[in-house]
Amino acid sequence: MAAQAVSLLREVARLEAPLEELRALQSVVQAVPLHELREQAAELRLRPLFSLLNQNNRC
């Protein structure tokens, strides 16, 4: 399940308007046990996600 979160995060980084993908990412991350996310944290590239969150264009 954590691998799915990593995959969605990579997809979000490539898109201009990833609202649907961000919603899917939220659902997946909430369903993954925290220890699984920690194990894969090294693979997560969060800069694109935080960049999207910091945009003024909120939907």
PDB file of N, CA and C in Angstrom:
ATOM      1  N   MET A   1       0.828  -1.200   0.000  1.00  0.00           N
ATOM      2  CA  MET A   1       0.000   0.000   0.000  1.00  0.00           C
ATOM      3  C   MET A   1       0.870   1.261   0.000  1.00  0.00           C
ATOM      4  N   ALA A   2       1.975   1.240   0.725  1.00  0.00           N
ATOM      5  CA  ALA A   2       2.867   2.402   0.730  1.00  0.00           C
ATOM      6  C   ALA A   2       3.456   2.630  -0.649  1.00  0.00           C
ATOM      7  N   ALA A   3       3.691   1.552  -1.383  1.00  0.00           N
ATOM      8  CA  ALA A   3       4.213   1.681  -2.742  1.00  0.00           C
ATOM      9  C   ALA A   3       3.219   2.435  -3.628  1.00  0.00           C
ATOM     10  N   GLN A   4       1.949   2.241  -3.380  1.00  0.00           N
ATOM     11  CA  GLN A   4       0.917   2.959  -4.142  1.00  0.00           C
ATOM     12  C   GLN A   4       0.999   4.454  -3.839  1.00  0.00           C
ATOM     13  N   ALA A   5       1.254   4.802  -2.592  1.00  0.00           N
ATOM     14  CA  ALA A   5       1.401   6.212  -2.219  1.00  0.00           C
ATOM     15  C   ALA A   5       2.595   6.825  -2.934  1.00  0.00           C
ATOM     16  N   VAL A   6       3.697   6.095  -2.994  1.00  0.00           N
ATOM     17  CA  VAL A   6       4.894   6.580  -3.690  1.00  0.00           C
ATOM     18  C   VAL A   6       4.598   6.774  -5.172  1.00  0.00           C
ATOM     19  N   SER A   7       3.892   5.835  -5.761  1.00  0.00           N
ATOM     20  CA  SER A   7       3.535   5.922  -7.172  1.00  0.00           C
ATOM     21  C   SER A   7       2.646   7.133  -7.440  1.00  0.00           C
ATOM     22  N   LEU A   8       1.650   7.348  -6.608  1.00  0.00           N
ATOM     23  CA  LEU A   8       0.761   8.507  -6.777  1.00  0.00           C
ATOM     24  C   LEU A   8       1.521   9.811  -6.601  1.00  0.00           C
ATOM     25  N   LEU A   9       2.451   9.848  -5.663  1.00  0.00           N
ATOM     26  CA  LEU A   9       3.228  11.057  -5.443  1.00  0.00           C
ATOM     27  C   LEU A   9       4.071  11.386  -6.669  1.00  0.00           C
ATOM     28  N   ARG A  10       4.639  10.384  -7.290  1.00  0.00           N
ATOM     29  CA  ARG A  10       5.405  10.600  -8.525  1.00  0.00           C
ATOM     30  C   ARG A  10       4.506  11.128  -9.633  1.00  0.00           C
ATOM     31  N   GLU A  11       3.300  10.591  -9.726  1.00  0.00           N
ATOM     32  CA  GLU A  11       2.351  11.030 -10.750  1.00  0.00           C
ATOM     33  C   GLU A  11       1.943  12.481 -10.519  1.00  0.00           C
ATOM     34  N   VAL A  12       1.680  12.840  -9.276  1.00  0.00           N
ATOM     35  CA  VAL A  12       1.280  14.202  -8.927  1.00  0.00           C
ATOM     36  C   VAL A  12       2.359  15.199  -9.332  1.00  0.00           C
ATOM     37  N   ALA A  13       3.611  14.821  -9.171  1.00  0.00           N
ATOM     38  CA  ALA A  13       4.723  15.723  -9.484  1.00  0.00           C
ATOM     39  C   ALA A  13       4.781  16.071 -10.966  1.00  0.00           C
ATOM     40  N   ARG A  14       4.213  15.234 -11.832  1.00  0.00           N
ATOM     41  CA  ARG A  14       4.283  15.464 -13.281  1.00  0.00           C
ATOM     42  C   ARG A  14       3.095  16.244 -13.833  1.00  0.00           C
ATOM     43  N   LEU A  15       2.075  16.444 -13.042  1.00  0.00           N
ATOM     44  CA  LEU A  15       0.839  17.040 -13.551  1.00  0.00           C
ATOM     45  C   LEU A  15       0.722  18.517 -13.200  1.00  0.00           C
ATOM     46  N   GLU A  16       0.034  19.261 -14.050  1.00  0.00           N
ATOM     47  CA  GLU A  16      -0.199  20.678 -13.780  1.00  0.00           C
ATOM     48  C   GLU A  16      -1.378  20.892 -12.836  1.00  0.00           C
ATOM     49  N   ALA A  17      -2.431  20.096 -12.990  1.00  0.00           N
ATOM     50  CA  ALA A  17      -3.633  20.251 -12.178  1.00  0.00           C
ATOM     51  C   ALA A  17      -4.011  18.884 -11.594  1.00  0.00           C
ATOM     52  N   PRO A  18      -3.312  18.465 -10.559  1.00  0.00           N
ATOM     53  CA  PRO A  18      -3.465  17.096 -10.057  1.00  0.00           C
ATOM     54  C   PRO A  18      -4.505  16.924  -8.948  1.00  0.00           C
ATOM     55  N   LEU A  19      -5.576  17.685  -8.972  1.00  0.00           N
ATOM     56  CA  LEU A  19      -6.537  17.636  -7.880  1.00  0.00           C
ATOM     57  C   LEU A  19      -7.067  16.225  -7.631  1.00  0.00           C
ATOM     58  N   GLU A  20      -7.443  15.532  -8.670  1.00  0.00           N
ATOM     59  CA  GLU A  20      -7.977  14.168  -8.522  1.00  0.00           C
ATOM     60  C   GLU A  20      -6.912  13.230  -7.943  1.00  0.00           C
ATOM     61  N   GLU A  21      -5.687  13.371  -8.423  1.00  0.00           N
ATOM     62  CA  GLU A  21      -4.607  12.530  -7.941  1.00  0.00           C
ATOM     63  C   GLU A  21      -4.269  12.835  -6.477  1.00  0.00           C
ATOM     64  N   LEU A  22      -4.352  14.109  -6.096  1.00  0.00           N
ATOM     65  CA  LEU A  22      -4.109  14.481  -4.699  1.00  0.00           C
ATOM     66  C   LEU A  22      -5.169  13.867  -3.783  1.00  0.00           C
ATOM     67  N   ARG A  23      -6.399  13.835  -4.251  1.00  0.00           N
ATOM     68  CA  ARG A  23      -7.460  13.207  -3.445  1.00  0.00           C
ATOM     69  C   ARG A  23      -7.210  11.707  -3.297  1.00  0.00           C
ATOM     70  N   ALA A  24      -6.778  11.072  -4.374  1.00  0.00           N
ATOM     71  CA  ALA A  24      -6.452   9.646  -4.306  1.00  0.00           C
ATOM     72  C   ALA A  24      -5.269   9.415  -3.374  1.00  0.00           C
ATOM     73  N   LEU A  25      -4.277  10.282  -3.443  1.00  0.00           N
ATOM     74  CA  LEU A  25      -3.110  10.172  -2.577  1.00  0.00           C
ATOM     75  C   LEU A  25      -3.518  10.301  -1.112  1.00  0.00           C
ATOM     76  N   GLN A  26      -4.392  11.230  -0.818  1.00  0.00           N
ATOM     77  CA  GLN A  26      -4.868  11.404   0.554  1.00  0.00           C
ATOM     78  C   GLN A  26      -5.531  10.130   1.058  1.00  0.00           C
ATOM     79  N   SER A  27      -6.382   9.543   0.253  1.00  0.00           N
ATOM     80  CA  SER A  27      -7.073   8.318   0.657  1.00  0.00           C
ATOM     81  C   SER A  27      -6.095   7.180   0.907  1.00  0.00           C
ATOM     82  N   VAL A  28      -5.124   7.043   0.020  1.00  0.00           N
ATOM     83  CA  VAL A  28      -4.152   5.960   0.161  1.00  0.00           C
ATOM     84  C   VAL A  28      -3.290   6.167   1.400  1.00  0.00           C
ATOM     85  N   VAL A  29      -2.801   7.371   1.586  1.00  0.00           N
ATOM     86  CA  VAL A  29      -1.922   7.645   2.726  1.00  0.00           C
ATOM     87  C   VAL A  29      -2.661   7.412   4.043  1.00  0.00           C
ATOM     88  N   GLN A  30      -3.912   7.767   4.108  1.00  0.00           N
ATOM     89  CA  GLN A  30      -4.680   7.561   5.336  1.00  0.00           C
ATOM     90  C   GLN A  30      -4.898   6.081   5.630  1.00  0.00           C
ATOM     91  N   ALA A  31      -4.867   5.244   4.609  1.00  0.00           N
ATOM     92  CA  ALA A  31      -5.102   3.813   4.790  1.00  0.00           C
ATOM     93  C   ALA A  31      -3.828   3.020   5.087  1.00  0.00           C
ATOM     94  N   VAL A  32      -2.674   3.631   4.870  1.00  0.00           N
ATOM     95  CA  VAL A  32      -1.398   2.931   5.055  1.00  0.00           C
ATOM     96  C   VAL A  32      -0.948   3.054   6.508  1.00  0.00           C
ATOM     97  N   PRO A  33      -0.554   1.930   7.108  1.00  0.00           N
ATOM     98  CA  PRO A  33       0.008   2.008   8.460  1.00  0.00           C
ATOM     99  C   PRO A  33       1.252   2.901   8.479  1.00  0.00           C
ATOM    100  N   LEU A  34       1.401   3.669   9.527  1.00  0.00           N
ATOM    101  CA  LEU A  34       2.481   4.639   9.631  1.00  0.00           C
ATOM    102  C   LEU A  34       3.857   3.990   9.474  1.00  0.00           C
ATOM    103  N   HIS A  35       4.043   2.796  10.019  1.00  0.00           N
ATOM    104  CA  HIS A  35       5.357   2.155   9.917  1.00  0.00           C
ATOM    105  C   HIS A  35       5.725   1.837   8.460  1.00  0.00           C
ATOM    106  N   GLU A  36       4.724   1.541   7.631  1.00  0.00           N
ATOM    107  CA  GLU A  36       4.995   1.296   6.209  1.00  0.00           C
ATOM    108  C   GLU A  36       5.443   2.568   5.505  1.00  0.00           C
ATOM    109  N   LEU A  37       4.812   3.682   5.846  1.00  0.00           N
ATOM    110  CA  LEU A  37       5.220   4.956   5.248  1.00  0.00           C
ATOM    111  C   LEU A  37       6.639   5.315   5.676  1.00  0.00           C
ATOM    112  N   ARG A  38       6.955   5.081   6.923  1.00  0.00           N
ATOM    113  CA  ARG A  38       8.313   5.377   7.408  1.00  0.00           C
ATOM    114  C   ARG A  38       9.355   4.559   6.652  1.00  0.00           C
ATOM    115  N   GLU A  39       9.042   3.294   6.374  1.00  0.00           N
ATOM    116  CA  GLU A  39       9.982   2.429   5.666  1.00  0.00           C
ATOM    117  C   GLU A  39      10.287   2.955   4.270  1.00  0.00           C
ATOM    118  N   GLN A  40       9.338   3.601   3.646  1.00  0.00           N
ATOM    119  CA  GLN A  40       9.516   4.083   2.281  1.00  0.00           C
ATOM    120  C   GLN A  40       9.760   5.581   2.219  1.00  0.00           C
ATOM    121  N   ALA A  41       9.935   6.208   3.360  1.00  0.00           N
ATOM    122  CA  ALA A  41      10.092   7.663   3.397  1.00  0.00           C
ATOM    123  C   ALA A  41      11.276   8.148   2.569  1.00  0.00           C
ATOM    124  N   ALA A  42      12.326   7.346   2.476  1.00  0.00           N
ATOM    125  CA  ALA A  42      13.492   7.752   1.702  1.00  0.00           C
ATOM    126  C   ALA A  42      13.146   7.916   0.226  1.00  0.00           C
ATOM    127  N   GLU A  43      12.178   7.166  -0.258  1.00  0.00           N
ATOM    128  CA  GLU A  43      11.783   7.245  -1.669  1.00  0.00           C
ATOM    129  C   GLU A  43      10.836   8.412  -1.954  1.00  0.00           C
ATOM    130  N   LEU A  44      10.207   8.931  -0.945  1.00  0.00           N
ATOM    131  CA  LEU A  44       9.212   9.979  -1.151  1.00  0.00           C
ATOM    132  C   LEU A  44       9.881  11.306  -1.488  1.00  0.00           C
ATOM    133  N   ARG A  45       9.425  11.909  -2.545  1.00  0.00           N
ATOM    134  CA  ARG A  45       9.903  13.239  -2.916  1.00  0.00           C
ATOM    135  C   ARG A  45       8.741  14.195  -2.667  1.00  0.00           C
ATOM    136  N   LEU A  46       8.819  14.885  -1.559  1.00  0.00           N
ATOM    137  CA  LEU A  46       7.687  15.698  -1.114  1.00  0.00           C
ATOM    138  C   LEU A  46       7.715  17.136  -1.616  1.00  0.00           C
ATOM    139  N   ARG A  47       8.822  17.578  -2.162  1.00  0.00           N
ATOM    140  CA  ARG A  47       8.905  18.961  -2.624  1.00  0.00           C
ATOM    141  C   ARG A  47       7.787  19.312  -3.612  1.00  0.00           C
ATOM    142  N   PRO A  48       7.513  18.477  -4.632  1.00  0.00           N
ATOM    143  CA  PRO A  48       6.413  18.825  -5.554  1.00  0.00           C
ATOM    144  C   PRO A  48       5.059  18.909  -4.849  1.00  0.00           C
ATOM    145  N   LEU A  49       4.846  18.050  -3.869  1.00  0.00           N
ATOM    146  CA  LEU A  49       3.580  18.074  -3.146  1.00  0.00           C
ATOM    147  C   LEU A  49       3.433  19.366  -2.357  1.00  0.00           C
ATOM    148  N   PHE A  50       4.485  19.756  -1.633  1.00  0.00           N
ATOM    149  CA  PHE A  50       4.407  20.990  -0.859  1.00  0.00           C
ATOM    150  C   PHE A  50       4.329  22.215  -1.767  1.00  0.00           C
ATOM    151  N   SER A  51       4.932  22.131  -2.925  1.00  0.00           N
ATOM    152  CA  SER A  51       4.824  23.215  -3.890  1.00  0.00           C
ATOM    153  C   SER A  51       3.370  23.403  -4.318  1.00  0.00           C
ATOM    154  N   LEU A  52       2.690  22.292  -4.573  1.00  0.00           N
ATOM    155  CA  LEU A  52       1.270  22.364  -4.940  1.00  0.00           C
ATOM    156  C   LEU A  52       0.430  22.913  -3.793  1.00  0.00           C
ATOM    157  N   LEU A  53       0.747  22.511  -2.581  1.00  0.00           N
ATOM    158  CA  LEU A  53      -0.011  22.970  -1.428  1.00  0.00           C
ATOM    159  C   LEU A  53       0.180  24.463  -1.165  1.00  0.00           C
ATOM    160  N   ASN A  54       1.314  25.004  -1.591  1.00  0.00           N
ATOM    161  CA  ASN A  54       1.614  26.411  -1.351  1.00  0.00           C
ATOM    162  C   ASN A  54       1.075  27.343  -2.430  1.00  0.00           C
ATOM    163  N   GLN A  55       0.511  26.791  -3.490  1.00  0.00           N
ATOM    164  CA  GLN A  55      -0.028  27.623  -4.557  1.00  0.00           C
ATOM    165  C   GLN A  55      -1.246  28.384  -4.062  1.00  0.00           C
ATOM    166  N   ASN A  56      -1.432  29.570  -4.583  1.00  0.00           N
ATOM    167  CA  ASN A  56      -2.601  30.381  -4.218  1.00  0.00           C
ATOM    168  C   ASN A  56      -3.863  29.936  -4.924  1.00  0.00           C
ATOM    169  N   ASN A  57      -3.739  29.142  -5.976  1.00  0.00           N
ATOM    170  CA  ASN A  57      -4.897  28.687  -6.737  1.00  0.00           C
ATOM    171  C   ASN A  57      -5.538  27.501  -6.039  1.00  0.00           C
ATOM    172  N   ARG A  58      -6.437  27.742  -5.168  1.00  0.00           N
ATOM    173  CA  ARG A  58      -7.111  26.674  -4.419  1.00  0.00           C
ATOM    174  C   ARG A  58      -8.415  26.325  -5.116  1.00  0.00           C
ATOM    175  N   CYS A  59      -8.703  25.044  -5.195  1.00  0.00           N
ATOM    176  CA  CYS A  59      -9.955  24.613  -5.847  1.00  0.00           C
ATOM    177  C   CYS A  59     -10.990  24.272  -4.801  1.00  0.00           C
TER     178      CYS A  59
END
